[in-house]
Amino acid sequence: MAAHLGSFIAALVVLGFLCPLLVLLVKGYRSRYVRHHAVESLNFQLTALGATLVASLLAFVMIGLVLLPFIGIIYVVLVIQASVAARRDEWYRYPVSLRIVR
């Protein structure tokens, strides 16, 4: 749960991937479940960062101005869903995430 919710705080400074990375490095070796959630959160954070960067670049041609709020809403909803699933001890997989880290 810390991997998911901690990314909210770190995302304020565009470093949302740091919290799940720290959870993965510090606690990931102890539990398959913790590793799963940390990897899922890290992959989603990297995907969200990439999408935000692309949308920011597209803001110069006005398309990004529509995409940025959409990305923000999807980000908040999916992180809350993942956090609730982690709290309930459920396995969760982000539906829109590139599988960069395995």
N, C-alpha and C. Protein backbone atom coordinates (compact mmCIF):
# COMPACT_ATOMS: atom_id res chain seq x y z
N MET A 1 0.83 -1.17 0.00
CA MET A 1 0.00 0.00 0.00
C MET A 1 0.88 1.25 0.00
N ALA A 2 2.00 1.18 0.68
CA ALA A 2 2.92 2.32 0.71
C ALA A 2 3.46 2.63 -0.68
N ALA A 3 3.66 1.61 -1.49
CA ALA A 3 4.16 1.83 -2.85
C ALA A 3 3.16 2.61 -3.68
N HIS A 4 1.88 2.37 -3.46
CA HIS A 4 0.84 3.04 -4.24
C HIS A 4 0.59 4.45 -3.71
N LEU A 5 0.31 4.57 -2.42
CA LEU A 5 -0.04 5.87 -1.85
C LEU A 5 1.16 6.81 -1.72
N GLY A 6 2.32 6.27 -1.49
CA GLY A 6 3.51 7.11 -1.40
C GLY A 6 3.82 7.82 -2.70
N SER A 7 3.38 7.24 -3.79
CA SER A 7 3.64 7.86 -5.09
C SER A 7 2.86 9.16 -5.26
N PHE A 8 1.72 9.31 -4.56
CA PHE A 8 0.97 10.57 -4.61
C PHE A 8 1.83 11.73 -4.12
N ILE A 9 2.48 11.54 -2.99
CA ILE A 9 3.29 12.60 -2.40
C ILE A 9 4.50 12.89 -3.30
N ALA A 10 5.16 11.86 -3.75
CA ALA A 10 6.34 12.04 -4.59
C ALA A 10 5.97 12.59 -5.96
N ALA A 11 4.76 12.33 -6.43
CA ALA A 11 4.34 12.81 -7.75
C ALA A 11 4.23 14.33 -7.78
N LEU A 12 4.09 14.94 -6.63
CA LEU A 12 4.01 16.40 -6.59
C LEU A 12 5.30 17.04 -7.10
N VAL A 13 6.40 16.33 -7.00
CA VAL A 13 7.66 16.84 -7.51
C VAL A 13 8.14 16.00 -8.69
N VAL A 14 7.24 15.37 -9.40
CA VAL A 14 7.48 14.57 -10.60
C VAL A 14 8.44 13.40 -10.33
N LEU A 15 8.41 12.89 -9.13
CA LEU A 15 9.24 11.74 -8.79
C LEU A 15 8.39 10.62 -8.20
N GLY A 16 7.23 10.39 -8.78
CA GLY A 16 6.30 9.40 -8.27
C GLY A 16 6.85 7.98 -8.29
N PHE A 17 7.87 7.73 -9.09
CA PHE A 17 8.42 6.39 -9.17
C PHE A 17 9.38 6.06 -8.03
N LEU A 18 9.80 7.05 -7.26
CA LEU A 18 10.78 6.80 -6.20
C LEU A 18 10.24 5.95 -5.05
N CYS A 19 9.03 6.21 -4.62
CA CYS A 19 8.47 5.45 -3.49
C CYS A 19 8.31 3.97 -3.83
N PRO A 20 7.69 3.60 -4.96
CA PRO A 20 7.61 2.17 -5.26
C PRO A 20 8.99 1.54 -5.50
N LEU A 21 9.93 2.32 -6.02
CA LEU A 21 11.28 1.80 -6.21
C LEU A 21 11.94 1.51 -4.87
N LEU A 22 11.77 2.40 -3.91
CA LEU A 22 12.32 2.17 -2.58
C LEU A 22 11.68 0.96 -1.91
N VAL A 23 10.35 0.83 -2.03
CA VAL A 23 9.67 -0.34 -1.45
C VAL A 23 10.20 -1.62 -2.10
N LEU A 24 10.38 -1.58 -3.40
CA LEU A 24 10.88 -2.76 -4.11
C LEU A 24 12.29 -3.12 -3.65
N LEU A 25 13.15 -2.13 -3.51
CA LEU A 25 14.53 -2.40 -3.12
C LEU A 25 14.67 -2.80 -1.66
N VAL A 26 13.85 -2.21 -0.78
CA VAL A 26 13.99 -2.47 0.66
C VAL A 26 13.21 -3.70 1.11
N LYS A 27 11.98 -3.84 0.65
CA LYS A 27 11.11 -4.92 1.14
C LYS A 27 10.74 -5.97 0.09
N GLY A 28 11.08 -5.73 -1.16
CA GLY A 28 10.65 -6.62 -2.24
C GLY A 28 11.17 -8.03 -2.16
N TYR A 29 12.33 -8.22 -1.55
CA TYR A 29 12.90 -9.56 -1.46
C TYR A 29 12.24 -10.41 -0.38
N ARG A 30 11.51 -9.79 0.53
CA ARG A 30 10.91 -10.53 1.65
C ARG A 30 9.62 -11.24 1.29
N SER A 31 8.88 -10.65 0.36
CA SER A 31 7.55 -11.19 0.08
C SER A 31 7.23 -11.05 -1.41
N ARG A 32 6.72 -12.12 -1.97
CA ARG A 32 6.29 -12.10 -3.37
C ARG A 32 5.15 -11.10 -3.57
N TYR A 33 4.28 -11.00 -2.58
CA TYR A 33 3.14 -10.10 -2.63
C TYR A 33 3.59 -8.63 -2.63
N VAL A 34 4.52 -8.29 -1.75
CA VAL A 34 5.02 -6.92 -1.68
C VAL A 34 5.75 -6.59 -2.98
N ARG A 35 6.54 -7.52 -3.47
CA ARG A 35 7.25 -7.29 -4.74
C ARG A 35 6.27 -7.06 -5.88
N HIS A 36 5.20 -7.84 -5.93
CA HIS A 36 4.20 -7.67 -6.98
C HIS A 36 3.63 -6.25 -6.98
N HIS A 37 3.21 -5.79 -5.82
CA HIS A 37 2.60 -4.46 -5.74
C HIS A 37 3.62 -3.36 -6.01
N ALA A 38 4.83 -3.52 -5.54
CA ALA A 38 5.86 -2.52 -5.79
C ALA A 38 6.20 -2.44 -7.28
N VAL A 39 6.31 -3.59 -7.94
CA VAL A 39 6.60 -3.61 -9.37
C VAL A 39 5.43 -3.02 -10.16
N GLU A 40 4.21 -3.38 -9.80
CA GLU A 40 3.04 -2.83 -10.48
C GLU A 40 3.00 -1.31 -10.34
N SER A 41 3.22 -0.82 -9.13
CA SER A 41 3.19 0.62 -8.90
C SER A 41 4.32 1.31 -9.66
N LEU A 42 5.51 0.73 -9.64
CA LEU A 42 6.64 1.32 -10.35
C LEU A 42 6.38 1.39 -11.84
N ASN A 43 5.87 0.32 -12.41
CA ASN A 43 5.54 0.32 -13.84
C ASN A 43 4.49 1.37 -14.17
N PHE A 44 3.48 1.48 -13.33
CA PHE A 44 2.44 2.47 -13.59
C PHE A 44 2.99 3.89 -13.46
N GLN A 45 3.82 4.13 -12.46
CA GLN A 45 4.39 5.46 -12.27
C GLN A 45 5.26 5.86 -13.46
N LEU A 46 6.04 4.93 -13.98
CA LEU A 46 6.87 5.22 -15.15
C LEU A 46 6.00 5.46 -16.39
N THR A 47 4.93 4.69 -16.52
CA THR A 47 4.01 4.89 -17.64
C THR A 47 3.33 6.25 -17.53
N ALA A 48 2.88 6.61 -16.33
CA ALA A 48 2.22 7.91 -16.12
C ALA A 48 3.19 9.06 -16.37
N LEU A 49 4.44 8.90 -15.95
CA LEU A 49 5.44 9.93 -16.20
C LEU A 49 5.66 10.12 -17.69
N GLY A 50 5.79 9.03 -18.42
CA GLY A 50 5.96 9.11 -19.87
C GLY A 50 4.77 9.75 -20.56
N ALA A 51 3.57 9.36 -20.15
CA ALA A 51 2.36 9.93 -20.75
C ALA A 51 2.25 11.43 -20.45
N THR A 52 2.63 11.82 -19.24
CA THR A 52 2.58 13.24 -18.87
C THR A 52 3.60 14.05 -19.67
N LEU A 53 4.79 13.49 -19.86
CA LEU A 53 5.80 14.19 -20.66
C LEU A 53 5.35 14.36 -22.11
N VAL A 54 4.77 13.31 -22.69
CA VAL A 54 4.28 13.40 -24.06
C VAL A 54 3.14 14.42 -24.16
N ALA A 55 2.21 14.38 -23.21
CA ALA A 55 1.09 15.33 -23.22
C ALA A 55 1.58 16.76 -23.02
N SER A 56 2.62 16.92 -22.20
CA SER A 56 3.18 18.26 -22.00
C SER A 56 3.79 18.80 -23.29
N LEU A 57 4.46 17.94 -24.02
CA LEU A 57 5.01 18.36 -25.30
C LEU A 57 3.90 18.67 -26.30
N LEU A 58 2.83 17.90 -26.25
CA LEU A 58 1.70 18.13 -27.16
C LEU A 58 0.87 19.35 -26.77
N ALA A 59 1.13 19.90 -25.60
CA ALA A 59 0.41 21.11 -25.18
C ALA A 59 0.70 22.28 -26.11
N PHE A 60 1.84 22.24 -26.75
CA PHE A 60 2.19 23.30 -27.69
C PHE A 60 1.28 23.31 -28.91
N VAL A 61 0.67 22.17 -29.22
CA VAL A 61 -0.28 22.11 -30.33
C VAL A 61 -1.70 21.90 -29.83
N MET A 62 -1.94 22.23 -28.56
CA MET A 62 -3.24 22.24 -27.90
C MET A 62 -3.83 20.86 -27.59
N ILE A 63 -3.33 19.80 -28.16
CA ILE A 63 -3.86 18.46 -27.86
C ILE A 63 -3.55 18.08 -26.41
N GLY A 64 -2.35 18.44 -25.95
CA GLY A 64 -1.93 18.11 -24.60
C GLY A 64 -2.77 18.77 -23.53
N LEU A 65 -3.37 19.91 -23.84
CA LEU A 65 -4.22 20.58 -22.86
C LEU A 65 -5.46 19.76 -22.54
N VAL A 66 -5.88 18.94 -23.48
CA VAL A 66 -7.02 18.04 -23.24
C VAL A 66 -6.53 16.76 -22.56
N LEU A 67 -5.35 16.30 -22.94
CA LEU A 67 -4.84 15.04 -22.40
C LEU A 67 -4.38 15.13 -20.95
N LEU A 68 -3.78 16.25 -20.55
CA LEU A 68 -3.25 16.35 -19.18
C LEU A 68 -4.30 16.16 -18.09
N PRO A 69 -5.46 16.81 -18.16
CA PRO A 69 -6.47 16.53 -17.12
C PRO A 69 -6.97 15.09 -17.16
N PHE A 70 -7.11 14.53 -18.35
CA PHE A 70 -7.55 13.15 -18.50
C PHE A 70 -6.55 12.20 -17.85
N ILE A 71 -5.26 12.42 -18.08
CA ILE A 71 -4.22 11.60 -17.47
C ILE A 71 -4.26 11.74 -15.95
N GLY A 72 -4.47 12.95 -15.47
CA GLY A 72 -4.55 13.19 -14.02
C GLY A 72 -5.69 12.44 -13.36
N ILE A 73 -6.86 12.47 -13.99
CA ILE A 73 -8.03 11.78 -13.44
C ILE A 73 -7.81 10.27 -13.43
N ILE A 74 -7.33 9.73 -14.54
CA ILE A 74 -7.05 8.29 -14.62
C ILE A 74 -6.01 7.89 -13.58
N TYR A 75 -5.00 8.72 -13.41
CA TYR A 75 -3.94 8.46 -12.43
C TYR A 75 -4.51 8.32 -11.02
N VAL A 76 -5.30 9.29 -10.62
CA VAL A 76 -5.87 9.28 -9.26
C VAL A 76 -6.78 8.08 -9.06
N VAL A 77 -7.65 7.81 -10.00
CA VAL A 77 -8.59 6.69 -9.87
C VAL A 77 -7.86 5.36 -9.77
N LEU A 78 -6.87 5.13 -10.64
CA LEU A 78 -6.19 3.84 -10.64
C LEU A 78 -5.31 3.65 -9.41
N VAL A 79 -4.67 4.71 -8.93
CA VAL A 79 -3.85 4.58 -7.72
C VAL A 79 -4.73 4.28 -6.51
N ILE A 80 -5.90 4.90 -6.44
CA ILE A 80 -6.82 4.61 -5.34
C ILE A 80 -7.30 3.16 -5.41
N GLN A 81 -7.66 2.70 -6.61
CA GLN A 81 -8.08 1.31 -6.76
C GLN A 81 -6.98 0.34 -6.34
N ALA A 82 -5.75 0.62 -6.74
CA ALA A 82 -4.63 -0.26 -6.40
C ALA A 82 -4.37 -0.24 -4.89
N SER A 83 -4.48 0.93 -4.29
CA SER A 83 -4.26 1.05 -2.84
C SER A 83 -5.30 0.27 -2.05
N VAL A 84 -6.55 0.37 -2.47
CA VAL A 84 -7.63 -0.36 -1.80
C VAL A 84 -7.42 -1.86 -1.97
N ALA A 85 -7.02 -2.28 -3.16
CA ALA A 85 -6.77 -3.71 -3.39
C ALA A 85 -5.62 -4.21 -2.52
N ALA A 86 -4.56 -3.41 -2.42
CA ALA A 86 -3.41 -3.80 -1.58
C ALA A 86 -3.82 -3.88 -0.11
N ARG A 87 -4.65 -2.96 0.32
CA ARG A 87 -5.12 -2.96 1.71
C ARG A 87 -5.97 -4.20 2.02
N ARG A 88 -6.70 -4.67 1.02
CA ARG A 88 -7.54 -5.86 1.18
C ARG A 88 -6.77 -7.16 0.94
N ASP A 89 -5.48 -7.06 0.75
CA ASP A 89 -4.62 -8.22 0.46
C ASP A 89 -5.01 -8.91 -0.85
N GLU A 90 -5.38 -8.13 -1.84
CA GLU A 90 -5.74 -8.64 -3.16
C GLU A 90 -4.59 -8.35 -4.13
N TRP A 91 -4.43 -9.23 -5.09
CA TRP A 91 -3.46 -9.00 -6.16
C TRP A 91 -4.11 -8.02 -7.13
N TYR A 92 -3.37 -7.01 -7.55
CA TYR A 92 -3.92 -5.99 -8.45
C TYR A 92 -2.95 -5.73 -9.58
N ARG A 93 -3.50 -5.54 -10.76
CA ARG A 93 -2.70 -5.21 -11.93
C ARG A 93 -3.30 -3.98 -12.59
N TYR A 94 -2.49 -2.94 -12.77
CA TYR A 94 -2.97 -1.73 -13.43
C TYR A 94 -3.36 -2.06 -14.87
N PRO A 95 -4.54 -1.63 -15.30
CA PRO A 95 -5.00 -1.98 -16.64
C PRO A 95 -4.26 -1.23 -17.76
N VAL A 96 -3.74 -0.05 -17.47
CA VAL A 96 -3.03 0.73 -18.48
C VAL A 96 -1.61 1.01 -17.99
N SER A 97 -0.74 0.03 -18.18
CA SER A 97 0.62 0.18 -17.70
C SER A 97 1.55 -0.62 -18.57
N LEU A 98 2.67 0.00 -18.94
CA LEU A 98 3.69 -0.72 -19.67
C LEU A 98 4.45 -1.59 -18.68
N ARG A 99 4.77 -2.80 -19.04
CA ARG A 99 5.49 -3.71 -18.15
C ARG A 99 6.99 -3.53 -18.37
N ILE A 100 7.55 -2.49 -17.77
CA ILE A 100 8.96 -2.14 -17.94
C ILE A 100 9.82 -2.97 -16.97
N VAL A 101 9.42 -3.00 -15.71
CA VAL A 101 10.13 -3.75 -14.68
C VAL A 101 9.37 -5.04 -14.44
N ARG A 102 10.09 -6.14 -14.31
CA ARG A 102 9.41 -7.42 -14.09
C ARG A 102 9.78 -8.00 -12.76
